[in-house]
Amino acid sequence: MSGTYVTDIAHYLDDEGEIVATMPAPTRKLASFLVLLIDIATEQQLPGVIESTIRCRKRGCKGLVHIVVQSPSDAIQWQCNSCEHNGLISHWQATKWDNRARTQ
């Protein structure tokens, strides 16, 4: 089983709420993956489980990421359906990828 990524998305964002442009490429790639999960997680009514079409980011894995949000105040949980690569995303609320206001 893989380790769990515990991520505060605010650490990847600049003062304007954009992904920091000057971070190393691997870190920027991780941040892009995480904000994509936020975007998908908040397109649907919370709480919910989403079986996304997003591929696992673990090298060599061809699994898909499942996303869970229990409530708007909780972290977004994600896990690969194949290798169990997983994580939690906190402080996603009110980011530009939070779609809740647009879907209500």
PDB file of N, CA and C in Angstrom:
ATOM      1  N   MET A   1       0.837  -1.178   0.000  1.00  0.00           N
ATOM      2  CA  MET A   1       0.000   0.000   0.000  1.00  0.00           C
ATOM      3  C   MET A   1       0.880   1.238   0.000  1.00  0.00           C
ATOM      4  N   SER A   2       0.456   2.261  -0.717  1.00  0.00           N
ATOM      5  CA  SER A   2       1.193   3.524  -0.793  1.00  0.00           C
ATOM      6  C   SER A   2       0.967   4.353   0.459  1.00  0.00           C
ATOM      7  N   GLY A   3       1.836   5.329   0.659  1.00  0.00           N
ATOM      8  CA  GLY A   3       1.633   6.285   1.724  1.00  0.00           C
ATOM      9  C   GLY A   3       0.481   7.220   1.390  1.00  0.00           C
ATOM     10  N   THR A   4       0.029   7.947   2.368  1.00  0.00           N
ATOM     11  CA  THR A   4      -1.078   8.875   2.194  1.00  0.00           C
ATOM     12  C   THR A   4      -0.538  10.290   2.061  1.00  0.00           C
ATOM     13  N   TYR A   5      -0.965  11.006   1.014  1.00  0.00           N
ATOM     14  CA  TYR A   5      -0.640  12.419   0.851  1.00  0.00           C
ATOM     15  C   TYR A   5      -1.633  13.228   1.673  1.00  0.00           C
ATOM     16  N   VAL A   6      -1.154  13.999   2.633  1.00  0.00           N
ATOM     17  CA  VAL A   6      -2.003  14.898   3.404  1.00  0.00           C
ATOM     18  C   VAL A   6      -1.609  16.304   2.979  1.00  0.00           C
ATOM     19  N   THR A   7      -2.515  16.965   2.253  1.00  0.00           N
ATOM     20  CA  THR A   7      -2.163  18.205   1.566  1.00  0.00           C
ATOM     21  C   THR A   7      -3.050  19.370   1.973  1.00  0.00           C
ATOM     22  N   ASP A   8      -2.423  20.475   2.340  1.00  0.00           N
ATOM     23  CA  ASP A   8      -3.115  21.749   2.508  1.00  0.00           C
ATOM     24  C   ASP A   8      -2.915  22.481   1.185  1.00  0.00           C
ATOM     25  N   ILE A   9      -3.968  22.561   0.376  1.00  0.00           N
ATOM     26  CA  ILE A   9      -3.832  23.134  -0.973  1.00  0.00           C
ATOM     27  C   ILE A   9      -3.355  24.586  -0.938  1.00  0.00           C
ATOM     28  N   ALA A  10      -3.606  25.276   0.165  1.00  0.00           N
ATOM     29  CA  ALA A  10      -3.171  26.679   0.287  1.00  0.00           C
ATOM     30  C   ALA A  10      -1.652  26.811   0.159  1.00  0.00           C
ATOM     31  N   HIS A  11      -0.911  25.770   0.500  1.00  0.00           N
ATOM     32  CA  HIS A  11       0.549  25.821   0.396  1.00  0.00           C
ATOM     33  C   HIS A  11       1.034  25.874  -1.053  1.00  0.00           C
ATOM     34  N   TYR A  12       0.166  25.543  -1.992  1.00  0.00           N
ATOM     35  CA  TYR A  12       0.518  25.527  -3.411  1.00  0.00           C
ATOM     36  C   TYR A  12       0.010  26.760  -4.154  1.00  0.00           C
ATOM     37  N   LEU A  13      -0.672  27.670  -3.447  1.00  0.00           N
ATOM     38  CA  LEU A  13      -1.314  28.809  -4.097  1.00  0.00           C
ATOM     39  C   LEU A  13      -0.641  30.125  -3.731  1.00  0.00           C
ATOM     40  N   ASP A  14      -0.649  31.059  -4.692  1.00  0.00           N
ATOM     41  CA  ASP A  14      -0.103  32.396  -4.429  1.00  0.00           C
ATOM     42  C   ASP A  14      -1.187  33.289  -3.814  1.00  0.00           C
ATOM     43  N   ASP A  15      -0.874  34.562  -3.637  1.00  0.00           N
ATOM     44  CA  ASP A  15      -1.810  35.503  -3.008  1.00  0.00           C
ATOM     45  C   ASP A  15      -3.086  35.722  -3.818  1.00  0.00           C
ATOM     46  N   GLU A  16      -3.039  35.452  -5.117  1.00  0.00           N
ATOM     47  CA  GLU A  16      -4.221  35.596  -5.972  1.00  0.00           C
ATOM     48  C   GLU A  16      -5.021  34.294  -6.073  1.00  0.00           C
ATOM     49  N   GLY A  17      -4.567  33.245  -5.402  1.00  0.00           N
ATOM     50  CA  GLY A  17      -5.272  31.971  -5.423  1.00  0.00           C
ATOM     51  C   GLY A  17      -4.930  31.092  -6.611  1.00  0.00           C
ATOM     52  N   GLU A  18      -3.869  31.412  -7.323  1.00  0.00           N
ATOM     53  CA  GLU A  18      -3.410  30.614  -8.460  1.00  0.00           C
ATOM     54  C   GLU A  18      -2.298  29.675  -7.994  1.00  0.00           C
ATOM     55  N   ILE A  19      -2.079  28.597  -8.743  1.00  0.00           N
ATOM     56  CA  ILE A  19      -0.946  27.718  -8.444  1.00  0.00           C
ATOM     57  C   ILE A  19       0.338  28.518  -8.614  1.00  0.00           C
ATOM     58  N   VAL A  20       1.225  28.441  -7.649  1.00  0.00           N
ATOM     59  CA  VAL A  20       2.481  29.187  -7.679  1.00  0.00           C
ATOM     60  C   VAL A  20       3.262  28.807  -8.937  1.00  0.00           C
ATOM     61  N   ALA A  21       3.608  29.799  -9.722  1.00  0.00           N
ATOM     62  CA  ALA A  21       4.260  29.567 -11.018  1.00  0.00           C
ATOM     63  C   ALA A  21       5.729  29.151 -10.884  1.00  0.00           C
ATOM     64  N   THR A  22       6.368  29.498  -9.791  1.00  0.00           N
ATOM     65  CA  THR A  22       7.807  29.285  -9.670  1.00  0.00           C
ATOM     66  C   THR A  22       8.204  27.990  -8.957  1.00  0.00           C
ATOM     67  N   MET A  23       7.235  27.151  -8.641  1.00  0.00           N
ATOM     68  CA  MET A  23       7.599  25.905  -7.955  1.00  0.00           C
ATOM     69  C   MET A  23       8.194  24.901  -8.939  1.00  0.00           C
ATOM     70  N   PRO A  24       8.966  23.939  -8.455  1.00  0.00           N
ATOM     71  CA  PRO A  24       9.554  22.923  -9.333  1.00  0.00           C
ATOM     72  C   PRO A  24       8.471  22.161 -10.100  1.00  0.00           C
ATOM     73  N   ALA A  25       8.816  21.689 -11.280  1.00  0.00           N
ATOM     74  CA  ALA A  25       7.852  21.017 -12.160  1.00  0.00           C
ATOM     75  C   ALA A  25       7.131  19.835 -11.492  1.00  0.00           C
ATOM     76  N   PRO A  26       7.810  18.953 -10.760  1.00  0.00           N
ATOM     77  CA  PRO A  26       7.085  17.845 -10.127  1.00  0.00           C
ATOM     78  C   PRO A  26       6.053  18.324  -9.096  1.00  0.00           C
ATOM     79  N   THR A  27       6.399  19.376  -8.370  1.00  0.00           N
ATOM     80  CA  THR A  27       5.486  19.923  -7.377  1.00  0.00           C
ATOM     81  C   THR A  27       4.299  20.579  -8.065  1.00  0.00           C
ATOM     82  N   ARG A  28       4.554  21.291  -9.138  1.00  0.00           N
ATOM     83  CA  ARG A  28       3.474  21.923  -9.904  1.00  0.00           C
ATOM     84  C   ARG A  28       2.550  20.857 -10.501  1.00  0.00           C
ATOM     85  N   LYS A  29       3.109  19.749 -10.951  1.00  0.00           N
ATOM     86  CA  LYS A  29       2.304  18.654 -11.499  1.00  0.00           C
ATOM     87  C   LYS A  29       1.400  18.069 -10.417  1.00  0.00           C
ATOM     88  N   LEU A  30       1.919  17.881  -9.209  1.00  0.00           N
ATOM     89  CA  LEU A  30       1.107  17.402  -8.090  1.00  0.00           C
ATOM     90  C   LEU A  30      -0.002  18.406  -7.782  1.00  0.00           C
ATOM     91  N   ALA A  31       0.327  19.690  -7.721  1.00  0.00           N
ATOM     92  CA  ALA A  31      -0.680  20.720  -7.442  1.00  0.00           C
ATOM     93  C   ALA A  31      -1.781  20.715  -8.502  1.00  0.00           C
ATOM     94  N   SER A  32      -1.407  20.545  -9.750  1.00  0.00           N
ATOM     95  CA  SER A  32      -2.400  20.494 -10.835  1.00  0.00           C
ATOM     96  C   SER A  32      -3.322  19.282 -10.677  1.00  0.00           C
ATOM     97  N   PHE A  33      -2.766  18.154 -10.291  1.00  0.00           N
ATOM     98  CA  PHE A  33      -3.558  16.952 -10.031  1.00  0.00           C
ATOM     99  C   PHE A  33      -4.554  17.213  -8.898  1.00  0.00           C
ATOM    100  N   LEU A  34      -4.092  17.830  -7.822  1.00  0.00           N
ATOM    101  CA  LEU A  34      -4.941  18.074  -6.659  1.00  0.00           C
ATOM    102  C   LEU A  34      -6.070  19.053  -6.956  1.00  0.00           C
ATOM    103  N   VAL A  35      -5.781  20.131  -7.698  1.00  0.00           N
ATOM    104  CA  VAL A  35      -6.861  21.082  -7.997  1.00  0.00           C
ATOM    105  C   VAL A  35      -7.862  20.472  -8.979  1.00  0.00           C
ATOM    106  N   LEU A  36      -7.416  19.564  -9.821  1.00  0.00           N
ATOM    107  CA  LEU A  36      -8.349  18.838 -10.698  1.00  0.00           C
ATOM    108  C   LEU A  36      -9.308  18.001  -9.851  1.00  0.00           C
ATOM    109  N   LEU A  37      -8.801  17.364  -8.805  1.00  0.00           N
ATOM    110  CA  LEU A  37      -9.653  16.593  -7.910  1.00  0.00           C
ATOM    111  C   LEU A  37     -10.651  17.489  -7.181  1.00  0.00           C
ATOM    112  N   ILE A  38     -10.211  18.672  -6.753  1.00  0.00           N
ATOM    113  CA  ILE A  38     -11.120  19.623  -6.107  1.00  0.00           C
ATOM    114  C   ILE A  38     -12.233  20.013  -7.075  1.00  0.00           C
ATOM    115  N   ASP A  39     -11.855  20.326  -8.299  1.00  0.00           N
ATOM    116  CA  ASP A  39     -12.811  20.721  -9.329  1.00  0.00           C
ATOM    117  C   ASP A  39     -13.869  19.637  -9.529  1.00  0.00           C
ATOM    118  N   ILE A  40     -13.438  18.407  -9.682  1.00  0.00           N
ATOM    119  CA  ILE A  40     -14.365  17.296  -9.912  1.00  0.00           C
ATOM    120  C   ILE A  40     -15.209  17.021  -8.668  1.00  0.00           C
ATOM    121  N   ALA A  41     -14.581  17.046  -7.501  1.00  0.00           N
ATOM    122  CA  ALA A  41     -15.293  16.739  -6.259  1.00  0.00           C
ATOM    123  C   ALA A  41     -16.425  17.718  -5.985  1.00  0.00           C
ATOM    124  N   THR A  42     -16.253  18.965  -6.373  1.00  0.00           N
ATOM    125  CA  THR A  42     -17.249  19.989  -6.028  1.00  0.00           C
ATOM    126  C   THR A  42     -18.249  20.259  -7.147  1.00  0.00           C
ATOM    127  N   GLU A  43     -18.163  19.529  -8.246  1.00  0.00           N
ATOM    128  CA  GLU A  43     -19.159  19.665  -9.318  1.00  0.00           C
ATOM    129  C   GLU A  43     -20.466  18.990  -8.946  1.00  0.00           C
ATOM    130  N   GLN A  44     -20.413  18.041  -8.013  1.00  0.00           N
ATOM    131  CA  GLN A  44     -21.604  17.308  -7.619  1.00  0.00           C
ATOM    132  C   GLN A  44     -22.052  17.729  -6.235  1.00  0.00           C
ATOM    133  N   GLN A  45     -23.277  17.395  -5.910  1.00  0.00           N
ATOM    134  CA  GLN A  45     -23.832  17.716  -4.607  1.00  0.00           C
ATOM    135  C   GLN A  45     -23.087  16.934  -3.524  1.00  0.00           C
ATOM    136  N   LEU A  46     -22.703  17.613  -2.459  1.00  0.00           N
ATOM    137  CA  LEU A  46     -22.022  16.959  -1.347  1.00  0.00           C
ATOM    138  C   LEU A  46     -23.058  16.457  -0.349  1.00  0.00           C
ATOM    139  N   PRO A  47     -22.848  15.382   0.389  1.00  0.00           N
ATOM    140  CA  PRO A  47     -21.703  14.478   0.317  1.00  0.00           C
ATOM    141  C   PRO A  47     -21.836  13.527  -0.861  1.00  0.00           C
ATOM    142  N   GLY A  48     -20.754  12.885  -1.169  1.00  0.00           N
ATOM    143  CA  GLY A  48     -20.831  11.949  -2.269  1.00  0.00           C
ATOM    144  C   GLY A  48     -19.525  11.246  -2.553  1.00  0.00           C
ATOM    145  N   VAL A  49     -19.653  10.169  -3.309  1.00  0.00           N
ATOM    146  CA  VAL A  49     -18.501   9.406  -3.796  1.00  0.00           C
ATOM    147  C   VAL A  49     -18.496   9.548  -5.307  1.00  0.00           C
ATOM    148  N   ILE A  50     -17.358   9.891  -5.870  1.00  0.00           N
ATOM    149  CA  ILE A  50     -17.235  10.075  -7.306  1.00  0.00           C
ATOM    150  C   ILE A  50     -16.216   9.078  -7.831  1.00  0.00           C
ATOM    151  N   GLU A  51     -16.632   8.268  -8.767  1.00  0.00           N
ATOM    152  CA  GLU A  51     -15.718   7.359  -9.450  1.00  0.00           C
ATOM    153  C   GLU A  51     -15.251   8.091 -10.694  1.00  0.00           C
ATOM    154  N   SER A  52     -14.156   8.822 -10.569  1.00  0.00           N
ATOM    155  CA  SER A  52     -13.699   9.702 -11.645  1.00  0.00           C
ATOM    156  C   SER A  52     -13.019   8.929 -12.765  1.00  0.00           C
ATOM    157  N   THR A  53     -12.733   9.635 -13.828  1.00  0.00           N
ATOM    158  CA  THR A  53     -11.957   9.082 -14.947  1.00  0.00           C
ATOM    159  C   THR A  53     -10.513   9.564 -14.887  1.00  0.00           C
ATOM    160  N   ILE A  54     -10.123  10.126 -13.756  1.00  0.00           N
ATOM    161  CA  ILE A  54      -8.757  10.611 -13.552  1.00  0.00           C
ATOM    162  C   ILE A  54      -7.857   9.424 -13.240  1.00  0.00           C
ATOM    163  N   ARG A  55      -6.778   9.314 -13.992  1.00  0.00           N
ATOM    164  CA  ARG A  55      -5.823   8.224 -13.802  1.00  0.00           C
ATOM    165  C   ARG A  55      -4.981   8.455 -12.550  1.00  0.00           C
ATOM    166  N   CYS A  56      -4.635   7.381 -11.907  1.00  0.00           N
ATOM    167  CA  CYS A  56      -3.741   7.420 -10.756  1.00  0.00           C
ATOM    168  C   CYS A  56      -2.423   8.067 -11.176  1.00  0.00           C
ATOM    169  N   ARG A  57      -1.827   8.798 -10.265  1.00  0.00           N
ATOM    170  CA  ARG A  57      -0.568   9.470 -10.595  1.00  0.00           C
ATOM    171  C   ARG A  57       0.660   8.633 -10.240  1.00  0.00           C
ATOM    172  N   LYS A  58       0.444   7.478  -9.631  1.00  0.00           N
ATOM    173  CA  LYS A  58       1.572   6.617  -9.285  1.00  0.00           C
ATOM    174  C   LYS A  58       2.128   5.966 -10.548  1.00  0.00           C
ATOM    175  N   ARG A  59       3.412   6.037 -10.701  1.00  0.00           N
ATOM    176  CA  ARG A  59       4.080   5.484 -11.889  1.00  0.00           C
ATOM    177  C   ARG A  59       3.739   4.012 -12.080  1.00  0.00           C
ATOM    178  N   GLY A  60       3.325   3.690 -13.314  1.00  0.00           N
ATOM    179  CA  GLY A  60       3.025   2.315 -13.677  1.00  0.00           C
ATOM    180  C   GLY A  60       1.614   1.858 -13.356  1.00  0.00           C
ATOM    181  N   CYS A  61       0.868   2.642 -12.603  1.00  0.00           N
ATOM    182  CA  CYS A  61      -0.492   2.246 -12.242  1.00  0.00           C
ATOM    183  C   CYS A  61      -1.466   2.745 -13.305  1.00  0.00           C
ATOM    184  N   LYS A  62      -2.431   1.939 -13.643  1.00  0.00           N
ATOM    185  CA  LYS A  62      -3.441   2.314 -14.626  1.00  0.00           C
ATOM    186  C   LYS A  62      -4.826   2.459 -13.985  1.00  0.00           C
ATOM    187  N   GLY A  63      -4.850   2.528 -12.651  1.00  0.00           N
ATOM    188  CA  GLY A  63      -6.106   2.660 -11.918  1.00  0.00           C
ATOM    189  C   GLY A  63      -6.724   4.041 -12.059  1.00  0.00           C
ATOM    190  N   LEU A  64      -7.945   4.168 -11.565  1.00  0.00           N
ATOM    191  CA  LEU A  64      -8.681   5.434 -11.587  1.00  0.00           C
ATOM    192  C   LEU A  64      -8.888   5.918 -10.161  1.00  0.00           C
ATOM    193  N   VAL A  65      -8.969   7.229 -10.002  1.00  0.00           N
ATOM    194  CA  VAL A  65      -9.094   7.840  -8.688  1.00  0.00           C
ATOM    195  C   VAL A  65     -10.570   7.972  -8.306  1.00  0.00           C
ATOM    196  N   HIS A  66     -10.896   7.493  -7.115  1.00  0.00           N
ATOM    197  CA  HIS A  66     -12.213   7.706  -6.520  1.00  0.00           C
ATOM    198  C   HIS A  66     -12.081   8.853  -5.522  1.00  0.00           C
ATOM    199  N   ILE A  67     -13.089   9.718  -5.486  1.00  0.00           N
ATOM    200  CA  ILE A  67     -13.053  10.917  -4.651  1.00  0.00           C
ATOM    201  C   ILE A  67     -14.242  10.889  -3.707  1.00  0.00           C
ATOM    202  N   VAL A  68     -14.015  11.256  -2.436  1.00  0.00           N
ATOM    203  CA  VAL A  68     -15.076  11.282  -1.438  1.00  0.00           C
ATOM    204  C   VAL A  68     -15.031  12.606  -0.692  1.00  0.00           C
ATOM    205  N   VAL A  69     -16.204  13.234  -0.563  1.00  0.00           N
ATOM    206  CA  VAL A  69     -16.345  14.424   0.270  1.00  0.00           C
ATOM    207  C   VAL A  69     -17.543  14.168   1.176  1.00  0.00           C
ATOM    208  N   GLN A  70     -17.306  14.094   2.474  1.00  0.00           N
ATOM    209  CA  GLN A  70     -18.393  13.826   3.417  1.00  0.00           C
ATOM    210  C   GLN A  70     -19.238  15.068   3.695  1.00  0.00           C
ATOM    211  N   SER A  71     -18.575  16.213   3.831  1.00  0.00           N
ATOM    212  CA  SER A  71     -19.296  17.471   4.062  1.00  0.00           C
ATOM    213  C   SER A  71     -18.418  18.624   3.571  1.00  0.00           C
ATOM    214  N   PRO A  72     -19.027  19.798   3.354  1.00  0.00           N
ATOM    215  CA  PRO A  72     -18.249  20.946   2.858  1.00  0.00           C
ATOM    216  C   PRO A  72     -17.115  21.386   3.788  1.00  0.00           C
ATOM    217  N   SER A  73     -17.167  20.996   5.055  1.00  0.00           N
ATOM    218  CA  SER A  73     -16.097  21.389   5.981  1.00  0.00           C
ATOM    219  C   SER A  73     -14.994  20.334   6.091  1.00  0.00           C
ATOM    220  N   ASP A  74     -15.186  19.179   5.468  1.00  0.00           N
ATOM    221  CA  ASP A  74     -14.208  18.086   5.539  1.00  0.00           C
ATOM    222  C   ASP A  74     -13.158  18.176   4.439  1.00  0.00           C
ATOM    223  N   ALA A  75     -12.075  17.459   4.651  1.00  0.00           N
ATOM    224  CA  ALA A  75     -11.059  17.305   3.605  1.00  0.00           C
ATOM    225  C   ALA A  75     -11.630  16.430   2.490  1.00  0.00           C
ATOM    226  N   ILE A  76     -11.153  16.658   1.292  1.00  0.00           N
ATOM    227  CA  ILE A  76     -11.496  15.797   0.170  1.00  0.00           C
ATOM    228  C   ILE A  76     -10.584  14.575   0.256  1.00  0.00           C
ATOM    229  N   GLN A  77     -11.171  13.392   0.204  1.00  0.00           N
ATOM    230  CA  GLN A  77     -10.421  12.144   0.243  1.00  0.00           C
ATOM    231  C   GLN A  77     -10.330  11.585  -1.169  1.00  0.00           C
ATOM    232  N   TRP A  78      -9.192  11.040  -1.526  1.00  0.00           N
ATOM    233  CA  TRP A  78      -9.053  10.399  -2.835  1.00  0.00           C
ATOM    234  C   TRP A  78      -8.238   9.129  -2.690  1.00  0.00           C
ATOM    235  N   GLN A  79      -8.539   8.159  -3.580  1.00  0.00           N
ATOM    236  CA  GLN A  79      -7.830   6.883  -3.544  1.00  0.00           C
ATOM    237  C   GLN A  79      -7.915   6.210  -4.902  1.00  0.00           C
ATOM    238  N   CYS A  80      -6.821   5.637  -5.323  1.00  0.00           N
ATOM    239  CA  CYS A  80      -6.792   4.850  -6.549  1.00  0.00           C
ATOM    240  C   CYS A  80      -7.555   3.551  -6.319  1.00  0.00           C
ATOM    241  N   ASN A  81      -8.353   3.164  -7.296  1.00  0.00           N
ATOM    242  CA  ASN A  81      -9.123   1.927  -7.164  1.00  0.00           C
ATOM    243  C   ASN A  81      -8.280   0.680  -7.430  1.00  0.00           C
ATOM    244  N   SER A  82      -7.026   0.868  -7.806  1.00  0.00           N
ATOM    245  CA  SER A  82      -6.170  -0.268  -8.119  1.00  0.00           C
ATOM    246  C   SER A  82      -5.044  -0.445  -7.100  1.00  0.00           C
ATOM    247  N   CYS A  83      -4.227   0.596  -6.923  1.00  0.00           N
ATOM    248  CA  CYS A  83      -3.038   0.458  -6.076  1.00  0.00           C
ATOM    249  C   CYS A  83      -3.206   1.057  -4.677  1.00  0.00           C
ATOM    250  N   GLU A  84      -4.333   1.692  -4.415  1.00  0.00           N
ATOM    251  CA  GLU A  84      -4.641   2.313  -3.137  1.00  0.00           C
ATOM    252  C   GLU A  84      -3.813   3.555  -2.825  1.00  0.00           C
ATOM    253  N   HIS A  85      -3.101   4.104  -3.809  1.00  0.00           N
ATOM    254  CA  HIS A  85      -2.441   5.410  -3.678  1.00  0.00           C
ATOM    255  C   HIS A  85      -3.537   6.381  -3.247  1.00  0.00           C
ATOM    256  N   ASN A  86      -3.311   7.208  -2.225  1.00  0.00           N
ATOM    257  CA  ASN A  86      -4.424   7.987  -1.678  1.00  0.00           C
ATOM    258  C   ASN A  86      -3.965   9.266  -1.008  1.00  0.00           C
ATOM    259  N   GLY A  87      -4.957  10.099  -0.649  1.00  0.00           N
ATOM    260  CA  GLY A  87      -4.634  11.323   0.051  1.00  0.00           C
ATOM    261  C   GLY A  87      -5.847  12.087   0.532  1.00  0.00           C
ATOM    262  N   LEU A  88      -5.552  13.178   1.238  1.00  0.00           N
ATOM    263  CA  LEU A  88      -6.549  14.107   1.750  1.00  0.00           C
ATOM    264  C   LEU A  88      -6.151  15.509   1.312  1.00  0.00           C
ATOM    265  N   ILE A  89      -7.136  16.315   0.927  1.00  0.00           N
ATOM    266  CA  ILE A  89      -6.879  17.699   0.527  1.00  0.00           C
ATOM    267  C   ILE A  89      -7.685  18.607   1.446  1.00  0.00           C
ATOM    268  N   SER A  90      -6.992  19.446   2.201  1.00  0.00           N
ATOM    269  CA  SER A  90      -7.679  20.392   3.089  1.00  0.00           C
ATOM    270  C   SER A  90      -7.594  21.812   2.530  1.00  0.00           C
ATOM    271  N   HIS A  91      -8.382  22.681   3.102  1.00  0.00           N
ATOM    272  CA  HIS A  91      -8.444  24.106   2.757  1.00  0.00           C
ATOM    273  C   HIS A  91      -8.756  24.348   1.280  1.00  0.00           C
ATOM    274  N   TRP A  92      -9.586  23.485   0.709  1.00  0.00           N
ATOM    275  CA  TRP A  92     -10.023  23.610  -0.686  1.00  0.00           C
ATOM    276  C   TRP A  92     -11.204  24.558  -0.820  1.00  0.00           C
ATOM    277  N   GLN A  93     -11.891  24.801   0.286  1.00  0.00           N
ATOM    278  CA  GLN A  93     -13.075  25.642   0.268  1.00  0.00           C
ATOM    279  C   GLN A  93     -12.718  27.064  -0.184  1.00  0.00           C
ATOM    280  N   ALA A  94     -13.532  27.616  -1.076  1.00  0.00           N
ATOM    281  CA  ALA A  94     -13.394  28.985  -1.587  1.00  0.00           C
ATOM    282  C   ALA A  94     -12.179  29.184  -2.500  1.00  0.00           C
ATOM    283  N   THR A  95     -11.547  28.092  -2.940  1.00  0.00           N
ATOM    284  CA  THR A  95     -10.519  28.241  -3.964  1.00  0.00           C
ATOM    285  C   THR A  95     -11.223  28.403  -5.307  1.00  0.00           C
ATOM    286  N   LYS A  96     -10.506  28.772  -6.331  1.00  0.00           N
ATOM    287  CA  LYS A  96     -11.129  28.951  -7.639  1.00  0.00           C
ATOM    288  C   LYS A  96     -11.633  27.649  -8.237  1.00  0.00           C
ATOM    289  N   TRP A  97     -11.244  26.508  -7.666  1.00  0.00           N
ATOM    290  CA  TRP A  97     -11.695  25.200  -8.162  1.00  0.00           C
ATOM    291  C   TRP A  97     -12.898  24.665  -7.381  1.00  0.00           C
ATOM    292  N   ASP A  98     -13.349  25.424  -6.385  1.00  0.00           N
ATOM    293  CA  ASP A  98     -14.523  25.050  -5.592  1.00  0.00           C
ATOM    294  C   ASP A  98     -15.770  25.460  -6.379  1.00  0.00           C
ATOM    295  N   ASN A  99     -16.464  24.496  -6.935  1.00  0.00           N
ATOM    296  CA  ASN A  99     -17.625  24.735  -7.805  1.00  0.00           C
ATOM    297  C   ASN A  99     -18.964  24.793  -7.071  1.00  0.00           C
ATOM    298  N   ARG A 100     -18.971  24.690  -5.763  1.00  0.00           N
ATOM    299  CA  ARG A 100     -20.230  24.604  -5.037  1.00  0.00           C
ATOM    300  C   ARG A 100     -21.160  25.784  -5.298  1.00  0.00           C
ATOM    301  N   ALA A 101     -20.662  26.985  -5.341  1.00  0.00           N
ATOM    302  CA  ALA A 101     -21.518  28.162  -5.560  1.00  0.00           C
ATOM    303  C   ALA A 101     -22.133  28.145  -6.960  1.00  0.00           C
ATOM    304  N   ARG A 102     -21.430  27.593  -7.924  1.00  0.00           N
ATOM    305  CA  ARG A 102     -21.918  27.539  -9.303  1.00  0.00           C
ATOM    306  C   ARG A 102     -22.928  26.419  -9.519  1.00  0.00           C
ATOM    307  N   THR A 103     -22.928  25.401  -8.661  1.00  0.00           N
ATOM    308  CA  THR A 103     -23.809  24.246  -8.884  1.00  0.00           C
ATOM    309  C   THR A 103     -25.064  24.285  -8.008  1.00  0.00           C
ATOM    310  N   GLN A 104     -25.220  25.282  -7.180  1.00  0.00           N
ATOM    311  CA  GLN A 104     -26.398  25.361  -6.304  1.00  0.00           C
ATOM    312  C   GLN A 104     -27.482  26.200  -6.910  1.00  0.00           C
TER     313      GLN A 104
END
